[in-house]
Amino acid sequence: MSILQNQKESINSRKILAEQTREFKRLGDEEKAEFFKTVLKCSRPDHVFSLALPCALTRRLQTAYQTEIDNLTKRSKFAETAFLATYKLLADAPDPVPMLANALVSVSLGGAAFFLANLV
């Protein structure tokens, strides 16, 4: 998967999560209180719910946040792997300073010789 594709998926996921969070914020205080009461109850399959809407919303929000956390974890691992691969390539490369210093001396001497040759 490419970095660009990861970024697009992350943006879409955050938009969905933001919409679900806005939906939650629109609830009244009593509905929010019920929402939090059902957070633990929704994970129990043997419990009978009288308010299906808050439970469904609870499950959707929990799923959305967990999905976002999972996606961020994947992106983090991908970024760390890419960074370490790049670092390894750079760490194995020879030090460019001696080569660049020799090239600078050669260019400087060559430039001076060219200048002197054109003066005569």
PDB file of N, CA and C in Angstrom:
ATOM      1  N   MET A   1       0.843  -1.165   0.000  1.00  0.00           N
ATOM      2  CA  MET A   1       0.000   0.000   0.000  1.00  0.00           C
ATOM      3  C   MET A   1       0.900   1.244   0.000  1.00  0.00           C
ATOM      4  N   SER A   2       0.554   2.225  -0.763  1.00  0.00           N
ATOM      5  CA  SER A   2       1.395   3.407  -0.859  1.00  0.00           C
ATOM      6  C   SER A   2       1.051   4.413   0.231  1.00  0.00           C
ATOM      7  N   ILE A   3       1.936   5.356   0.435  1.00  0.00           N
ATOM      8  CA  ILE A   3       1.726   6.396   1.438  1.00  0.00           C
ATOM      9  C   ILE A   3       0.505   7.234   1.077  1.00  0.00           C
ATOM     10  N   LEU A   4       0.361   7.561  -0.200  1.00  0.00           N
ATOM     11  CA  LEU A   4      -0.766   8.376  -0.648  1.00  0.00           C
ATOM     12  C   LEU A   4      -2.098   7.670  -0.373  1.00  0.00           C
ATOM     13  N   GLN A   5      -2.147   6.387  -0.653  1.00  0.00           N
ATOM     14  CA  GLN A   5      -3.375   5.624  -0.409  1.00  0.00           C
ATOM     15  C   GLN A   5      -3.673   5.570   1.098  1.00  0.00           C
ATOM     16  N   ASN A   6      -2.642   5.389   1.919  1.00  0.00           N
ATOM     17  CA  ASN A   6      -2.832   5.402   3.378  1.00  0.00           C
ATOM     18  C   ASN A   6      -3.390   6.735   3.845  1.00  0.00           C
ATOM     19  N   GLN A   7      -2.882   7.828   3.285  1.00  0.00           N
ATOM     20  CA  GLN A   7      -3.355   9.156   3.672  1.00  0.00           C
ATOM     21  C   GLN A   7      -4.816   9.355   3.286  1.00  0.00           C
ATOM     22  N   LYS A   8      -5.195   8.917   2.077  1.00  0.00           N
ATOM     23  CA  LYS A   8      -6.584   9.060   1.631  1.00  0.00           C
ATOM     24  C   LYS A   8      -7.526   8.254   2.522  1.00  0.00           C
ATOM     25  N   GLU A   9      -7.146   7.022   2.842  1.00  0.00           N
ATOM     26  CA  GLU A   9      -7.983   6.188   3.702  1.00  0.00           C
ATOM     27  C   GLU A   9      -8.112   6.799   5.090  1.00  0.00           C
ATOM     28  N   SER A  10      -7.035   7.385   5.582  1.00  0.00           N
ATOM     29  CA  SER A  10      -7.073   8.020   6.897  1.00  0.00           C
ATOM     30  C   SER A  10      -8.010   9.219   6.905  1.00  0.00           C
ATOM     31  N   ILE A  11      -7.969  10.015   5.857  1.00  0.00           N
ATOM     32  CA  ILE A  11      -8.856  11.186   5.763  1.00  0.00           C
ATOM     33  C   ILE A  11     -10.315  10.739   5.735  1.00  0.00           C
ATOM     34  N   ASN A  12     -10.625   9.723   4.925  1.00  0.00           N
ATOM     35  CA  ASN A  12     -12.003   9.211   4.853  1.00  0.00           C
ATOM     36  C   ASN A  12     -12.462   8.653   6.193  1.00  0.00           C
ATOM     37  N   SER A  13     -11.597   7.922   6.845  1.00  0.00           N
ATOM     38  CA  SER A  13     -11.926   7.331   8.138  1.00  0.00           C
ATOM     39  C   SER A  13     -12.195   8.420   9.174  1.00  0.00           C
ATOM     40  N   ARG A  14     -11.384   9.458   9.176  1.00  0.00           N
ATOM     41  CA  ARG A  14     -11.583  10.553  10.130  1.00  0.00           C
ATOM     42  C   ARG A  14     -12.883  11.306   9.846  1.00  0.00           C
ATOM     43  N   LYS A  15     -13.250  11.436   8.566  1.00  0.00           N
ATOM     44  CA  LYS A  15     -14.513  12.101   8.226  1.00  0.00           C
ATOM     45  C   LYS A  15     -15.692  11.308   8.772  1.00  0.00           C
ATOM     46  N   ILE A  16     -15.659   9.993   8.611  1.00  0.00           N
ATOM     47  CA  ILE A  16     -16.739   9.139   9.114  1.00  0.00           C
ATOM     48  C   ILE A  16     -16.806   9.223  10.636  1.00  0.00           C
ATOM     49  N   LEU A  17     -15.657   9.170  11.270  1.00  0.00           N
ATOM     50  CA  LEU A  17     -15.605   9.254  12.727  1.00  0.00           C
ATOM     51  C   LEU A  17     -16.118  10.612  13.208  1.00  0.00           C
ATOM     52  N   ALA A  18     -15.767  11.673  12.520  1.00  0.00           N
ATOM     53  CA  ALA A  18     -16.235  13.009  12.895  1.00  0.00           C
ATOM     54  C   ALA A  18     -17.757  13.103  12.769  1.00  0.00           C
ATOM     55  N   GLU A  19     -18.304  12.522  11.713  1.00  0.00           N
ATOM     56  CA  GLU A  19     -19.760  12.556  11.528  1.00  0.00           C
ATOM     57  C   GLU A  19     -20.462  11.783  12.646  1.00  0.00           C
ATOM     58  N   GLN A  20     -19.936  10.642  12.997  1.00  0.00           N
ATOM     59  CA  GLN A  20     -20.543   9.858  14.071  1.00  0.00           C
ATOM     60  C   GLN A  20     -20.418  10.572  15.413  1.00  0.00           C
ATOM     61  N   THR A  21     -19.322  11.271  15.619  1.00  0.00           N
ATOM     62  CA  THR A  21     -19.146  12.033  16.850  1.00  0.00           C
ATOM     63  C   THR A  21     -20.125  13.210  16.885  1.00  0.00           C
ATOM     64  N   ARG A  22     -20.320  13.879  15.743  1.00  0.00           N
ATOM     65  CA  ARG A  22     -21.305  14.971  15.681  1.00  0.00           C
ATOM     66  C   ARG A  22     -22.707  14.436  15.975  1.00  0.00           C
ATOM     67  N   GLU A  23     -23.013  13.251  15.460  1.00  0.00           N
ATOM     68  CA  GLU A  23     -24.307  12.621  15.712  1.00  0.00           C
ATOM     69  C   GLU A  23     -24.491  12.400  17.218  1.00  0.00           C
ATOM     70  N   PHE A  24     -23.433  11.969  17.863  1.00  0.00           N
ATOM     71  CA  PHE A  24     -23.493  11.765  19.316  1.00  0.00           C
ATOM     72  C   PHE A  24     -23.699  13.097  20.040  1.00  0.00           C
ATOM     73  N   LYS A  25     -23.025  14.139  19.598  1.00  0.00           N
ATOM     74  CA  LYS A  25     -23.137  15.445  20.258  1.00  0.00           C
ATOM     75  C   LYS A  25     -24.543  16.029  20.131  1.00  0.00           C
ATOM     76  N   ARG A  26     -25.265  15.631  19.100  1.00  0.00           N
ATOM     77  CA  ARG A  26     -26.638  16.124  18.903  1.00  0.00           C
ATOM     78  C   ARG A  26     -27.624  15.508  19.901  1.00  0.00           C
ATOM     79  N   LEU A  27     -27.229  14.420  20.538  1.00  0.00           N
ATOM     80  CA  LEU A  27     -28.120  13.784  21.505  1.00  0.00           C
ATOM     81  C   LEU A  27     -28.357  14.711  22.696  1.00  0.00           C
ATOM     82  N   GLY A  28     -29.530  14.569  23.316  1.00  0.00           N
ATOM     83  CA  GLY A  28     -29.821  15.332  24.529  1.00  0.00           C
ATOM     84  C   GLY A  28     -29.034  14.768  25.703  1.00  0.00           C
ATOM     85  N   ASP A  29     -29.059  15.481  26.814  1.00  0.00           N
ATOM     86  CA  ASP A  29     -28.298  15.053  27.995  1.00  0.00           C
ATOM     87  C   ASP A  29     -28.743  13.685  28.502  1.00  0.00           C
ATOM     88  N   GLU A  30     -30.058  13.439  28.503  1.00  0.00           N
ATOM     89  CA  GLU A  30     -30.554  12.148  28.981  1.00  0.00           C
ATOM     90  C   GLU A  30     -30.109  11.017  28.050  1.00  0.00           C
ATOM     91  N   GLU A  31     -30.153  11.270  26.738  1.00  0.00           N
ATOM     92  CA  GLU A  31     -29.727  10.244  25.782  1.00  0.00           C
ATOM     93  C   GLU A  31     -28.226   9.974  25.931  1.00  0.00           C
ATOM     94  N   LYS A  32     -27.457  11.032  26.191  1.00  0.00           N
ATOM     95  CA  LYS A  32     -26.018  10.836  26.413  1.00  0.00           C
ATOM     96  C   LYS A  32     -25.758  10.018  27.671  1.00  0.00           C
ATOM     97  N   ALA A  33     -26.537  10.288  28.708  1.00  0.00           N
ATOM     98  CA  ALA A  33     -26.395   9.514  29.941  1.00  0.00           C
ATOM     99  C   ALA A  33     -26.704   8.046  29.681  1.00  0.00           C
ATOM    100  N   GLU A  34     -27.770   7.782  28.931  1.00  0.00           N
ATOM    101  CA  GLU A  34     -28.107   6.403  28.562  1.00  0.00           C
ATOM    102  C   GLU A  34     -27.008   5.781  27.714  1.00  0.00           C
ATOM    103  N   PHE A  35     -26.439   6.604  26.836  1.00  0.00           N
ATOM    104  CA  PHE A  35     -25.354   6.137  25.980  1.00  0.00           C
ATOM    105  C   PHE A  35     -24.224   5.576  26.834  1.00  0.00           C
ATOM    106  N   PHE A  36     -23.814   6.334  27.839  1.00  0.00           N
ATOM    107  CA  PHE A  36     -22.702   5.887  28.672  1.00  0.00           C
ATOM    108  C   PHE A  36     -23.084   4.707  29.557  1.00  0.00           C
ATOM    109  N   LYS A  37     -24.343   4.627  29.934  1.00  0.00           N
ATOM    110  CA  LYS A  37     -24.795   3.464  30.706  1.00  0.00           C
ATOM    111  C   LYS A  37     -24.742   2.195  29.861  1.00  0.00           C
ATOM    112  N   THR A  38     -24.976   2.343  28.556  1.00  0.00           N
ATOM    113  CA  THR A  38     -25.022   1.169  27.692  1.00  0.00           C
ATOM    114  C   THR A  38     -23.653   0.758  27.164  1.00  0.00           C
ATOM    115  N   VAL A  39     -22.637   1.585  27.393  1.00  0.00           N
ATOM    116  CA  VAL A  39     -21.307   1.247  26.860  1.00  0.00           C
ATOM    117  C   VAL A  39     -20.862  -0.125  27.338  1.00  0.00           C
ATOM    118  N   LEU A  40     -20.977  -0.374  28.623  1.00  0.00           N
ATOM    119  CA  LEU A  40     -20.564  -1.674  29.148  1.00  0.00           C
ATOM    120  C   LEU A  40     -21.602  -2.750  28.875  1.00  0.00           C
ATOM    121  N   LYS A  41     -22.875  -2.375  28.903  1.00  0.00           N
ATOM    122  CA  LYS A  41     -23.938  -3.355  28.697  1.00  0.00           C
ATOM    123  C   LYS A  41     -23.943  -3.898  27.268  1.00  0.00           C
ATOM    124  N   CYS A  42     -23.550  -3.079  26.307  1.00  0.00           N
ATOM    125  CA  CYS A  42     -23.612  -3.502  24.906  1.00  0.00           C
ATOM    126  C   CYS A  42     -22.664  -4.654  24.612  1.00  0.00           C
ATOM    127  N   SER A  43     -21.648  -4.806  25.405  1.00  0.00           N
ATOM    128  CA  SER A  43     -20.707  -5.886  25.141  1.00  0.00           C
ATOM    129  C   SER A  43     -21.191  -7.209  25.734  1.00  0.00           C
ATOM    130  N   ARG A  44     -22.296  -7.187  26.461  1.00  0.00           N
ATOM    131  CA  ARG A  44     -22.834  -8.403  27.066  1.00  0.00           C
ATOM    132  C   ARG A  44     -23.984  -8.931  26.216  1.00  0.00           C
ATOM    133  N   PRO A  45     -23.805 -10.057  25.529  1.00  0.00           N
ATOM    134  CA  PRO A  45     -24.863 -10.588  24.660  1.00  0.00           C
ATOM    135  C   PRO A  45     -26.080 -11.094  25.428  1.00  0.00           C
ATOM    136  N   ASP A  46     -25.947 -11.409  26.722  1.00  0.00           N
ATOM    137  CA  ASP A  46     -27.068 -11.953  27.480  1.00  0.00           C
ATOM    138  C   ASP A  46     -27.968 -10.862  28.052  1.00  0.00           C
ATOM    139  N   HIS A  47     -27.611  -9.612  27.842  1.00  0.00           N
ATOM    140  CA  HIS A  47     -28.395  -8.505  28.395  1.00  0.00           C
ATOM    141  C   HIS A  47     -29.475  -8.067  27.401  1.00  0.00           C
ATOM    142  N   VAL A  48     -30.666  -7.819  27.905  1.00  0.00           N
ATOM    143  CA  VAL A  48     -31.765  -7.357  27.056  1.00  0.00           C
ATOM    144  C   VAL A  48     -31.824  -5.837  27.173  1.00  0.00           C
ATOM    145  N   PHE A  49     -31.824  -5.159  26.029  1.00  0.00           N
ATOM    146  CA  PHE A  49     -31.804  -3.701  26.034  1.00  0.00           C
ATOM    147  C   PHE A  49     -33.190  -3.147  25.756  1.00  0.00           C
ATOM    148  N   SER A  50     -33.536  -2.140  26.539  1.00  0.00           N
ATOM    149  CA  SER A  50     -34.805  -1.472  26.275  1.00  0.00           C
ATOM    150  C   SER A  50     -34.607  -0.332  25.283  1.00  0.00           C
ATOM    151  N   LEU A  51     -33.381   0.206  25.196  1.00  0.00           N
ATOM    152  CA  LEU A  51     -33.095   1.301  24.273  1.00  0.00           C
ATOM    153  C   LEU A  51     -32.111   0.812  23.217  1.00  0.00           C
ATOM    154  N   ALA A  52     -32.624   0.432  22.081  1.00  0.00           N
ATOM    155  CA  ALA A  52     -31.770  -0.103  21.017  1.00  0.00           C
ATOM    156  C   ALA A  52     -30.942   0.983  20.346  1.00  0.00           C
ATOM    157  N   LEU A  53     -31.481   2.185  20.216  1.00  0.00           N
ATOM    158  CA  LEU A  53     -30.772   3.265  19.526  1.00  0.00           C
ATOM    159  C   LEU A  53     -29.458   3.627  20.212  1.00  0.00           C
ATOM    160  N   PRO A  54     -29.460   3.916  21.529  1.00  0.00           N
ATOM    161  CA  PRO A  54     -28.183   4.230  22.150  1.00  0.00           C
ATOM    162  C   PRO A  54     -27.188   3.085  22.057  1.00  0.00           C
ATOM    163  N   CYS A  55     -27.681   1.851  22.157  1.00  0.00           N
ATOM    164  CA  CYS A  55     -26.776   0.709  22.072  1.00  0.00           C
ATOM    165  C   CYS A  55     -26.169   0.605  20.684  1.00  0.00           C
ATOM    166  N   ALA A  56     -26.978   0.791  19.651  1.00  0.00           N
ATOM    167  CA  ALA A  56     -26.466   0.734  18.284  1.00  0.00           C
ATOM    168  C   ALA A  56     -25.463   1.858  18.054  1.00  0.00           C
ATOM    169  N   LEU A  57     -25.778   3.043  18.564  1.00  0.00           N
ATOM    170  CA  LEU A  57     -24.864   4.170  18.433  1.00  0.00           C
ATOM    171  C   LEU A  57     -23.572   3.892  19.195  1.00  0.00           C
ATOM    172  N   THR A  58     -23.698   3.311  20.362  1.00  0.00           N
ATOM    173  CA  THR A  58     -22.522   2.962  21.157  1.00  0.00           C
ATOM    174  C   THR A  58     -21.615   2.020  20.378  1.00  0.00           C
ATOM    175  N   ARG A  59     -22.204   0.990  19.818  1.00  0.00           N
ATOM    176  CA  ARG A  59     -21.405   0.026  19.049  1.00  0.00           C
ATOM    177  C   ARG A  59     -20.745   0.685  17.848  1.00  0.00           C
ATOM    178  N   ARG A  60     -21.488   1.545  17.139  1.00  0.00           N
ATOM    179  CA  ARG A  60     -20.924   2.221  15.963  1.00  0.00           C
ATOM    180  C   ARG A  60     -19.765   3.120  16.357  1.00  0.00           C
ATOM    181  N   LEU A  61     -19.954   3.888  17.442  1.00  0.00           N
ATOM    182  CA  LEU A  61     -18.872   4.785  17.870  1.00  0.00           C
ATOM    183  C   LEU A  61     -17.661   4.005  18.354  1.00  0.00           C
ATOM    184  N   GLN A  62     -17.892   2.967  19.130  1.00  0.00           N
ATOM    185  CA  GLN A  62     -16.779   2.146  19.604  1.00  0.00           C
ATOM    186  C   GLN A  62     -16.033   1.533  18.421  1.00  0.00           C
ATOM    187  N   THR A  63     -16.770   1.026  17.470  1.00  0.00           N
ATOM    188  CA  THR A  63     -16.160   0.423  16.283  1.00  0.00           C
ATOM    189  C   THR A  63     -15.398   1.466  15.483  1.00  0.00           C
ATOM    190  N   ALA A  64     -15.984   2.649  15.329  1.00  0.00           N
ATOM    191  CA  ALA A  64     -15.327   3.705  14.553  1.00  0.00           C
ATOM    192  C   ALA A  64     -14.019   4.141  15.214  1.00  0.00           C
ATOM    193  N   TYR A  65     -14.048   4.341  16.528  1.00  0.00           N
ATOM    194  CA  TYR A  65     -12.823   4.750  17.211  1.00  0.00           C
ATOM    195  C   TYR A  65     -11.776   3.639  17.175  1.00  0.00           C
ATOM    196  N   GLN A  66     -12.195   2.398  17.360  1.00  0.00           N
ATOM    197  CA  GLN A  66     -11.229   1.295  17.314  1.00  0.00           C
ATOM    198  C   GLN A  66     -10.641   1.149  15.918  1.00  0.00           C
ATOM    199  N   THR A  67     -11.462   1.331  14.885  1.00  0.00           N
ATOM    200  CA  THR A  67     -10.980   1.270  13.505  1.00  0.00           C
ATOM    201  C   THR A  67      -9.956   2.367  13.262  1.00  0.00           C
ATOM    202  N   GLU A  68     -10.241   3.568  13.740  1.00  0.00           N
ATOM    203  CA  GLU A  68      -9.298   4.683  13.570  1.00  0.00           C
ATOM    204  C   GLU A  68      -7.987   4.392  14.297  1.00  0.00           C
ATOM    205  N   ILE A  69      -8.059   3.848  15.486  1.00  0.00           N
ATOM    206  CA  ILE A  69      -6.846   3.492  16.229  1.00  0.00           C
ATOM    207  C   ILE A  69      -6.058   2.429  15.466  1.00  0.00           C
ATOM    208  N   ASP A  70      -6.751   1.427  14.941  1.00  0.00           N
ATOM    209  CA  ASP A  70      -6.082   0.376  14.162  1.00  0.00           C
ATOM    210  C   ASP A  70      -5.413   0.956  12.911  1.00  0.00           C
ATOM    211  N   ASN A  71      -6.113   1.867  12.223  1.00  0.00           N
ATOM    212  CA  ASN A  71      -5.541   2.486  11.020  1.00  0.00           C
ATOM    213  C   ASN A  71      -4.317   3.329  11.354  1.00  0.00           C
ATOM    214  N   LEU A  72      -4.377   4.066  12.451  1.00  0.00           N
ATOM    215  CA  LEU A  72      -3.216   4.861  12.865  1.00  0.00           C
ATOM    216  C   LEU A  72      -2.037   3.966  13.238  1.00  0.00           C
ATOM    217  N   THR A  73      -2.330   2.839  13.846  1.00  0.00           N
ATOM    218  CA  THR A  73      -1.266   1.893  14.190  1.00  0.00           C
ATOM    219  C   THR A  73      -0.611   1.346  12.923  1.00  0.00           C
ATOM    220  N   LYS A  74      -1.425   0.998  11.913  1.00  0.00           N
ATOM    221  CA  LYS A  74      -0.886   0.508  10.641  1.00  0.00           C
ATOM    222  C   LYS A  74      -0.021   1.562   9.970  1.00  0.00           C
ATOM    223  N   ARG A  75      -0.528   2.806   9.946  1.00  0.00           N
ATOM    224  CA  ARG A  75       0.238   3.894   9.323  1.00  0.00           C
ATOM    225  C   ARG A  75       1.548   4.118  10.055  1.00  0.00           C
ATOM    226  N   SER A  76       1.512   4.040  11.377  1.00  0.00           N
ATOM    227  CA  SER A  76       2.724   4.229  12.173  1.00  0.00           C
ATOM    228  C   SER A  76       3.757   3.146  11.860  1.00  0.00           C
ATOM    229  N   LYS A  77       3.315   1.903  11.808  1.00  0.00           N
ATOM    230  CA  LYS A  77       4.228   0.794  11.492  1.00  0.00           C
ATOM    231  C   LYS A  77       4.794   0.943  10.082  1.00  0.00           C
ATOM    232  N   PHE A  78       3.947   1.354   9.137  1.00  0.00           N
ATOM    233  CA  PHE A  78       4.397   1.560   7.763  1.00  0.00           C
ATOM    234  C   PHE A  78       5.459   2.651   7.707  1.00  0.00           C
ATOM    235  N   ALA A  79       5.215   3.761   8.413  1.00  0.00           N
ATOM    236  CA  ALA A  79       6.159   4.879   8.417  1.00  0.00           C
ATOM    237  C   ALA A  79       7.474   4.480   9.073  1.00  0.00           C
ATOM    238  N   GLU A  80       7.401   3.743  10.173  1.00  0.00           N
ATOM    239  CA  GLU A  80       8.617   3.304  10.855  1.00  0.00           C
ATOM    240  C   GLU A  80       9.425   2.358   9.974  1.00  0.00           C
ATOM    241  N   THR A  81       8.758   1.458   9.292  1.00  0.00           N
ATOM    242  CA  THR A  81       9.449   0.525   8.398  1.00  0.00           C
ATOM    243  C   THR A  81      10.123   1.276   7.253  1.00  0.00           C
ATOM    244  N   ALA A  82       9.417   2.234   6.667  1.00  0.00           N
ATOM    245  CA  ALA A  82       9.989   3.028   5.572  1.00  0.00           C
ATOM    246  C   ALA A  82      11.186   3.838   6.065  1.00  0.00           C
ATOM    247  N   PHE A  83      11.062   4.428   7.246  1.00  0.00           N
ATOM    248  CA  PHE A  83      12.162   5.209   7.797  1.00  0.00           C
ATOM    249  C   PHE A  83      13.383   4.329   8.048  1.00  0.00           C
ATOM    250  N   LEU A  84      13.179   3.176   8.664  1.00  0.00           N
ATOM    251  CA  LEU A  84      14.305   2.289   8.964  1.00  0.00           C
ATOM    252  C   LEU A  84      14.976   1.765   7.696  1.00  0.00           C
ATOM    253  N   ALA A  85      14.185   1.491   6.668  1.00  0.00           N
ATOM    254  CA  ALA A  85      14.763   1.033   5.395  1.00  0.00           C
ATOM    255  C   ALA A  85      15.622   2.137   4.779  1.00  0.00           C
ATOM    256  N   THR A  86      15.130   3.359   4.810  1.00  0.00           N
ATOM    257  CA  THR A  86      15.892   4.495   4.274  1.00  0.00           C
ATOM    258  C   THR A  86      17.139   4.731   5.105  1.00  0.00           C
ATOM    259  N   TYR A  87      16.997   4.672   6.413  1.00  0.00           N
ATOM    260  CA  TYR A  87      18.142   4.871   7.304  1.00  0.00           C
ATOM    261  C   TYR A  87      19.218   3.830   7.049  1.00  0.00           C
ATOM    262  N   LYS A  88      18.803   2.568   6.858  1.00  0.00           N
ATOM    263  CA  LYS A  88      19.772   1.497   6.606  1.00  0.00           C
ATOM    264  C   LYS A  88      20.541   1.765   5.310  1.00  0.00           C
ATOM    265  N   LEU A  89      19.841   2.210   4.271  1.00  0.00           N
ATOM    266  CA  LEU A  89      20.512   2.522   3.011  1.00  0.00           C
ATOM    267  C   LEU A  89      21.534   3.641   3.197  1.00  0.00           C
ATOM    268  N   LEU A  90      21.154   4.667   3.948  1.00  0.00           N
ATOM    269  CA  LEU A  90      22.064   5.783   4.174  1.00  0.00           C
ATOM    270  C   LEU A  90      23.220   5.395   5.094  1.00  0.00           C
ATOM    271  N   ALA A  91      22.954   4.551   6.076  1.00  0.00           N
ATOM    272  CA  ALA A  91      23.995   4.130   7.009  1.00  0.00           C
ATOM    273  C   ALA A  91      25.040   3.261   6.305  1.00  0.00           C
ATOM    274  N   ASP A  92      24.620   2.475   5.323  1.00  0.00           N
ATOM    275  CA  ASP A  92      25.541   1.601   4.590  1.00  0.00           C
ATOM    276  C   ASP A  92      26.314   2.340   3.511  1.00  0.00           C
ATOM    277  N   ALA A  93      25.894   3.536   3.157  1.00  0.00           N
ATOM    278  CA  ALA A  93      26.568   4.305   2.100  1.00  0.00           C
ATOM    279  C   ALA A  93      27.894   4.859   2.638  1.00  0.00           C
ATOM    280  N   PRO A  94      28.893   4.974   1.758  1.00  0.00           N
ATOM    281  CA  PRO A  94      30.172   5.529   2.213  1.00  0.00           C
ATOM    282  C   PRO A  94      30.031   7.016   2.546  1.00  0.00           C
ATOM    283  N   ASP A  95      30.938   7.495   3.390  1.00  0.00           N
ATOM    284  CA  ASP A  95      30.937   8.904   3.781  1.00  0.00           C
ATOM    285  C   ASP A  95      31.319   9.755   2.568  1.00  0.00           C
ATOM    286  N   PRO A  96      30.473  10.706   2.160  1.00  0.00           N
ATOM    287  CA  PRO A  96      30.754  11.483   0.953  1.00  0.00           C
ATOM    288  C   PRO A  96      31.736  12.636   1.170  1.00  0.00           C
ATOM    289  N   VAL A  97      32.097  12.966   2.398  1.00  0.00           N
ATOM    290  CA  VAL A  97      32.931  14.138   2.670  1.00  0.00           C
ATOM    291  C   VAL A  97      34.302  14.042   1.999  1.00  0.00           C
ATOM    292  N   PRO A  98      35.050  12.942   2.128  1.00  0.00           N
ATOM    293  CA  PRO A  98      36.369  12.895   1.475  1.00  0.00           C
ATOM    294  C   PRO A  98      36.275  13.049  -0.047  1.00  0.00           C
ATOM    295  N   MET A  99      35.279  12.411  -0.665  1.00  0.00           N
ATOM    296  CA  MET A  99      35.107  12.512  -2.110  1.00  0.00           C
ATOM    297  C   MET A  99      34.780  13.940  -2.537  1.00  0.00           C
ATOM    298  N   LEU A 100      33.890  14.569  -1.786  1.00  0.00           N
ATOM    299  CA  LEU A 100      33.515  15.946  -2.101  1.00  0.00           C
ATOM    300  C   LEU A 100      34.688  16.908  -1.892  1.00  0.00           C
ATOM    301  N   ALA A 101      35.489  16.676  -0.874  1.00  0.00           N
ATOM    302  CA  ALA A 101      36.654  17.527  -0.632  1.00  0.00           C
ATOM    303  C   ALA A 101      37.650  17.405  -1.783  1.00  0.00           C
ATOM    304  N   ASN A 102      37.897  16.177  -2.244  1.00  0.00           N
ATOM    305  CA  ASN A 102      38.806  15.965  -3.390  1.00  0.00           C
ATOM    306  C   ASN A 102      38.241  16.611  -4.653  1.00  0.00           C
ATOM    307  N   ALA A 103      36.949  16.505  -4.855  1.00  0.00           N
ATOM    308  CA  ALA A 103      36.341  17.110  -6.033  1.00  0.00           C
ATOM    309  C   ALA A 103      36.461  18.628  -5.982  1.00  0.00           C
ATOM    310  N   LEU A 104      36.289  19.194  -4.809  1.00  0.00           N
ATOM    311  CA  LEU A 104      36.407  20.642  -4.653  1.00  0.00           C
ATOM    312  C   LEU A 104      37.823  21.110  -4.935  1.00  0.00           C
ATOM    313  N   VAL A 105      38.803  20.365  -4.441  1.00  0.00           N
ATOM    314  CA  VAL A 105      40.209  20.708  -4.703  1.00  0.00           C
ATOM    315  C   VAL A 105      40.502  20.597  -6.195  1.00  0.00           C
ATOM    316  N   SER A 106      40.026  19.544  -6.823  1.00  0.00           N
ATOM    317  CA  SER A 106      40.266  19.359  -8.258  1.00  0.00           C
ATOM    318  C   SER A 106      39.648  20.482  -9.070  1.00  0.00           C
ATOM    319  N   VAL A 107      38.431  20.852  -8.743  1.00  0.00           N
ATOM    320  CA  VAL A 107      37.754  21.920  -9.464  1.00  0.00           C
ATOM    321  C   VAL A 107      38.468  23.247  -9.226  1.00  0.00           C
ATOM    322  N   SER A 108      38.869  23.481  -7.992  1.00  0.00           N
ATOM    323  CA  SER A 108      39.561  24.731  -7.673  1.00  0.00           C
ATOM    324  C   SER A 108      40.885  24.826  -8.407  1.00  0.00           C
ATOM    325  N   LEU A 109      41.660  23.754  -8.403  1.00  0.00           N
ATOM    326  CA  LEU A 109      42.958  23.755  -9.100  1.00  0.00           C
ATOM    327  C   LEU A 109      42.761  23.821 -10.603  1.00  0.00           C
ATOM    328  N   GLY A 110      41.809  23.095 -11.091  1.00  0.00           N
ATOM    329  CA  GLY A 110      41.527  23.110 -12.526  1.00  0.00           C
ATOM    330  C   GLY A 110      41.059  24.480 -12.971  1.00  0.00           C
ATOM    331  N   GLY A 111      40.263  25.135 -12.167  1.00  0.00           N
ATOM    332  CA  GLY A 111      39.770  26.470 -12.485  1.00  0.00           C
ATOM    333  C   GLY A 111      40.890  27.483 -12.474  1.00  0.00           C
ATOM    334  N   ALA A 112      41.809  27.350 -11.526  1.00  0.00           N
ATOM    335  CA  ALA A 112      42.963  28.278 -11.448  1.00  0.00           C
ATOM    336  C   ALA A 112      43.874  28.060 -12.631  1.00  0.00           C
ATOM    337  N   ALA A 113      44.117  26.793 -13.021  1.00  0.00           N
ATOM    338  CA  ALA A 113      44.989  26.501 -14.155  1.00  0.00           C
ATOM    339  C   ALA A 113      44.372  27.044 -15.435  1.00  0.00           C
ATOM    340  N   PHE A 114      43.057  26.904 -15.587  1.00  0.00           N
ATOM    341  CA  PHE A 114      42.361  27.416 -16.774  1.00  0.00           C
ATOM    342  C   PHE A 114      42.487  28.950 -16.824  1.00  0.00           C
ATOM    343  N   PHE A 115      42.323  29.589 -15.644  1.00  0.00           N
ATOM    344  CA  PHE A 115      42.416  31.057 -15.586  1.00  0.00           C
ATOM    345  C   PHE A 115      43.823  31.507 -15.971  1.00  0.00           C
ATOM    346  N   LEU A 116      44.862  30.840 -15.422  1.00  0.00           N
ATOM    347  CA  LEU A 116      46.240  31.211 -15.736  1.00  0.00           C
ATOM    348  C   LEU A 116      46.567  30.971 -17.205  1.00  0.00           C
ATOM    349  N   ALA A 117      46.048  29.900 -17.751  1.00  0.00           N
ATOM    350  CA  ALA A 117      46.336  29.579 -19.170  1.00  0.00           C
ATOM    351  C   ALA A 117      45.729  30.631 -20.083  1.00  0.00           C
ATOM    352  N   ASN A 118      44.606  31.174 -19.717  1.00  0.00           N
ATOM    353  CA  ASN A 118      43.948  32.193 -20.542  1.00  0.00           C
ATOM    354  C   ASN A 118      44.557  33.586 -20.376  1.00  0.00           C
ATOM    355  N   LEU A 119      45.312  33.791 -19.303  1.00  0.00           N
ATOM    356  CA  LEU A 119      45.968  35.070 -19.101  1.00  0.00           C
ATOM    357  C   LEU A 119      47.165  35.243 -20.043  1.00  0.00           C
ATOM    358  N   VAL A 120      47.851  34.174 -20.330  1.00  0.00           N
ATOM    359  CA  VAL A 120      49.071  34.255 -21.116  1.00  0.00           C
ATOM    360  C   VAL A 120      48.808  34.408 -22.571  1.00  0.00           C
TER     361      VAL A 120
END
